[in-house]
Amino acid sequence: MVRMLNHELGLPLALAARAADRVLSSGLAPNRIRLSATTDGAMALQLDLQRFLSTSNASLAAAFTFGPTRGRGRPRLSPQPTPAIEQLAHIWEIRVDDESDKLDRLARQLREWEAYPRGIERGLPFIMDAATLRAVPRLALVTSRGDINVVLASRA
C-alpha cells in the first residue's frame, strides 16, 4: 500500500507510510476510508480497502503461480521436470481482449463458477469483476470447474 500511495499517487514516503499504517491498523473493515492528504485538510484521499485487498490477493496468487521458481544453491546441469509443469496439462487458459464488454461477461461467468485466487486462503477479500481482470493481467484462479488462468491478450 505504501508503494501504491508513494509511486502511483505521488504522496511523500513518510505520509504514505503513515496513511498505510492508519488504514491497515484501524481494526475496522470499512469499504472505504477517507484520509486527510494535507495538514490543513484541504485535500483528502479516499481508499477502497476492499478493492485494494482483493487486487493484492489476486496479484499474490499470480506471483505464486507465474513467478519463476528458484531452488536453493547452484542450478542443476540437467533440469528435472517439476510437479508444477506436469499440472499445467490440467489448467485451462483463457485469453481475453482488454475490452469492457468481454471482461464483464468473463467476470460474470467466473463469479458463477465461484472463482477465487489459486493458492490464497479462502475467506480473504476478493472481488471478481472486470476491474480485477484489468488490474491483474495474469490471473490464476481455482473454480468449481477446475483451475483456470486468465490472461489479458493485449498484455500477454
Protein backbone atom coordinates (compact mmCIF):
# COMPACT_ATOMS: atom_id res chain seq x y z
CA MET A 1 0.00 0.00 0.00
CA VAL A 2 2.91 2.35 0.78
CA ARG A 3 4.30 1.75 -2.70
CA MET A 4 0.95 2.47 -4.33
CA LEU A 5 0.46 5.69 -2.37
CA ASN A 6 4.02 6.84 -2.97
CA HIS A 7 4.68 5.80 -6.58
CA GLU A 8 1.25 5.97 -8.13
CA LEU A 9 -0.27 8.88 -6.23
CA GLY A 10 2.90 10.86 -5.52
CA LEU A 11 2.47 11.08 -1.74
CA PRO A 12 5.75 11.61 0.12
CA LEU A 13 7.06 8.34 1.55
CA ALA A 14 6.57 9.37 5.20
CA LEU A 15 2.96 10.42 4.57
CA ALA A 16 2.29 7.26 2.54
CA ALA A 17 3.65 5.09 5.37
CA ARG A 18 1.54 6.91 8.00
CA ALA A 19 -1.58 6.59 5.84
CA ALA A 20 -1.00 2.88 5.22
CA ASP A 21 -0.39 2.27 8.93
CA ARG A 22 -3.58 4.10 9.82
CA VAL A 23 -5.66 2.20 7.27
CA LEU A 24 -4.28 -1.26 7.96
CA SER A 25 -4.17 -0.97 11.76
CA SER A 26 -7.63 0.53 12.19
CA GLY A 27 -9.10 -2.85 13.15
CA LEU A 28 -12.25 -1.89 11.31
CA ALA A 29 -13.29 -3.32 7.98
CA PRO A 30 -14.94 -0.39 6.22
CA ASN A 31 -15.32 -0.46 2.46
CA ARG A 32 -13.80 2.99 2.04
CA ILE A 33 -11.50 5.02 4.23
CA ARG A 34 -11.08 8.77 3.91
CA LEU A 35 -7.74 10.27 4.97
CA SER A 36 -6.64 13.86 5.05
CA ALA A 37 -3.91 14.24 2.41
CA THR A 38 -2.78 17.68 3.60
CA THR A 39 -2.23 19.09 7.06
CA ASP A 40 -4.93 21.73 6.59
CA GLY A 41 -7.49 19.15 5.39
CA ALA A 42 -7.97 20.87 2.03
CA MET A 43 -7.33 17.60 0.20
CA ALA A 44 -8.46 14.14 1.18
CA LEU A 45 -7.71 10.69 -0.12
CA GLN A 46 -10.39 8.02 -0.23
CA LEU A 47 -9.20 4.41 -0.31
CA ASP A 48 -11.35 1.44 -1.24
CA LEU A 49 -9.75 -1.03 1.17
CA GLN A 50 -11.81 -3.98 -0.06
CA ARG A 51 -10.67 -3.37 -3.66
CA PHE A 52 -7.04 -2.90 -2.56
CA LEU A 53 -7.01 -6.16 -0.59
CA SER A 54 -8.80 -8.01 -3.40
CA THR A 55 -6.29 -6.88 -6.02
CA SER A 56 -3.39 -7.61 -3.66
CA ASN A 57 -4.64 -11.17 -3.10
CA ALA A 58 -5.10 -11.73 -6.83
CA SER A 59 -1.62 -10.34 -7.57
CA LEU A 60 -0.10 -12.55 -4.90
CA ALA A 61 -1.77 -15.63 -6.39
CA ALA A 62 -0.42 -14.67 -9.83
CA ALA A 63 3.08 -14.23 -8.40
CA PHE A 64 2.93 -17.69 -6.78
CA THR A 65 1.70 -19.27 -10.00
CA PHE A 66 3.59 -17.43 -12.72
CA GLY A 67 6.71 -16.28 -10.88
CA PRO A 68 9.98 -18.04 -11.55
CA THR A 69 10.77 -20.88 -9.20
CA ARG A 70 14.26 -20.89 -7.81
CA GLY A 71 15.81 -23.67 -5.85
CA ARG A 72 18.49 -23.23 -3.27
CA GLY A 73 22.13 -23.48 -4.26
CA ARG A 74 23.51 -23.87 -7.75
CA PRO A 75 21.16 -24.87 -10.56
CA ARG A 76 21.33 -28.47 -11.75
CA LEU A 77 23.00 -29.14 -15.07
CA SER A 78 20.09 -31.17 -16.37
CA PRO A 79 16.82 -29.79 -15.02
CA GLN A 80 14.25 -32.35 -13.98
CA PRO A 81 10.53 -31.82 -14.68
CA THR A 82 8.75 -30.28 -11.71
CA PRO A 83 5.26 -31.14 -10.49
CA ALA A 84 4.07 -27.63 -11.46
CA ILE A 85 4.92 -28.34 -15.11
CA GLU A 86 3.08 -31.65 -15.01
CA GLN A 87 -0.01 -29.96 -13.56
CA LEU A 88 -0.20 -27.46 -16.41
CA ALA A 89 -1.99 -30.06 -18.53
CA HIS A 90 -4.99 -29.77 -16.18
CA ILE A 91 -5.22 -25.98 -16.13
CA TRP A 92 -7.40 -24.13 -18.61
CA GLU A 93 -6.10 -20.87 -20.01
CA ILE A 94 -8.47 -18.14 -21.15
CA ARG A 95 -7.10 -15.27 -23.21
CA VAL A 96 -9.37 -12.25 -23.37
CA ASP A 97 -9.08 -8.86 -25.05
CA ASP A 98 -8.97 -5.80 -22.80
CA GLU A 99 -12.47 -4.67 -23.82
CA SER A 100 -15.07 -3.75 -21.20
CA ASP A 101 -17.92 -5.90 -22.52
CA LYS A 102 -15.73 -9.01 -22.85
CA LEU A 103 -14.23 -8.52 -19.40
CA ASP A 104 -17.69 -8.01 -17.87
CA ARG A 105 -19.01 -11.22 -19.46
CA LEU A 106 -15.98 -13.23 -18.38
CA ALA A 107 -16.13 -11.85 -14.83
CA ARG A 108 -19.85 -12.75 -14.62
CA GLN A 109 -19.10 -16.31 -15.75
CA LEU A 110 -16.18 -16.66 -13.33
CA ARG A 111 -18.38 -15.46 -10.45
CA GLU A 112 -20.88 -18.20 -11.36
CA TRP A 113 -18.02 -20.70 -11.18
CA GLU A 114 -17.03 -19.33 -7.74
CA ALA A 115 -13.59 -18.19 -8.95
CA TYR A 116 -11.01 -17.44 -6.25
CA PRO A 117 -7.26 -16.76 -6.46
CA ARG A 118 -5.35 -20.05 -6.57
CA GLY A 119 -3.05 -20.59 -3.60
CA ILE A 120 -4.71 -17.93 -1.43
CA GLU A 121 -6.55 -18.87 1.74
CA ARG A 122 -10.33 -18.85 1.29
CA GLY A 123 -12.20 -16.10 3.06
CA LEU A 124 -9.75 -13.30 2.27
CA PRO A 125 -11.18 -10.35 0.32
CA PHE A 126 -11.59 -10.96 -3.40
CA ILE A 127 -13.83 -9.19 -5.90
CA MET A 128 -14.29 -10.98 -9.23
CA ASP A 129 -15.08 -8.24 -11.74
CA ALA A 130 -13.71 -6.51 -14.83
CA ALA A 131 -11.64 -4.12 -12.70
CA THR A 132 -9.78 -7.06 -11.15
CA LEU A 133 -9.19 -8.62 -14.56
CA ARG A 134 -7.71 -5.30 -15.76
CA ALA A 135 -5.60 -4.81 -12.62
CA VAL A 136 -4.06 -8.31 -12.69
CA PRO A 137 -3.20 -9.14 -16.33
CA ARG A 138 -2.31 -12.78 -15.50
CA LEU A 139 -4.76 -14.19 -13.01
CA ALA A 140 -4.52 -17.69 -11.50
CA LEU A 141 -7.90 -18.96 -10.30
CA VAL A 142 -9.45 -22.04 -8.82
CA THR A 143 -13.10 -22.51 -9.80
CA SER A 144 -15.89 -25.05 -9.45
CA ARG A 145 -14.92 -26.14 -12.99
CA GLY A 146 -11.20 -26.57 -12.25
CA ASP A 147 -8.12 -24.38 -12.34
CA ILE A 148 -8.14 -21.51 -14.83
CA ASN A 149 -5.51 -18.97 -15.83
CA VAL A 150 -6.89 -15.74 -17.29
CA VAL A 151 -4.52 -13.72 -19.46
CA LEU A 152 -5.29 -10.32 -20.99
CA ALA A 153 -4.39 -10.82 -24.65
CA SER A 154 -3.24 -7.24 -25.14
CA ARG A 155 -0.67 -7.55 -22.31
CA ALA A 156 0.50 -11.14 -22.74
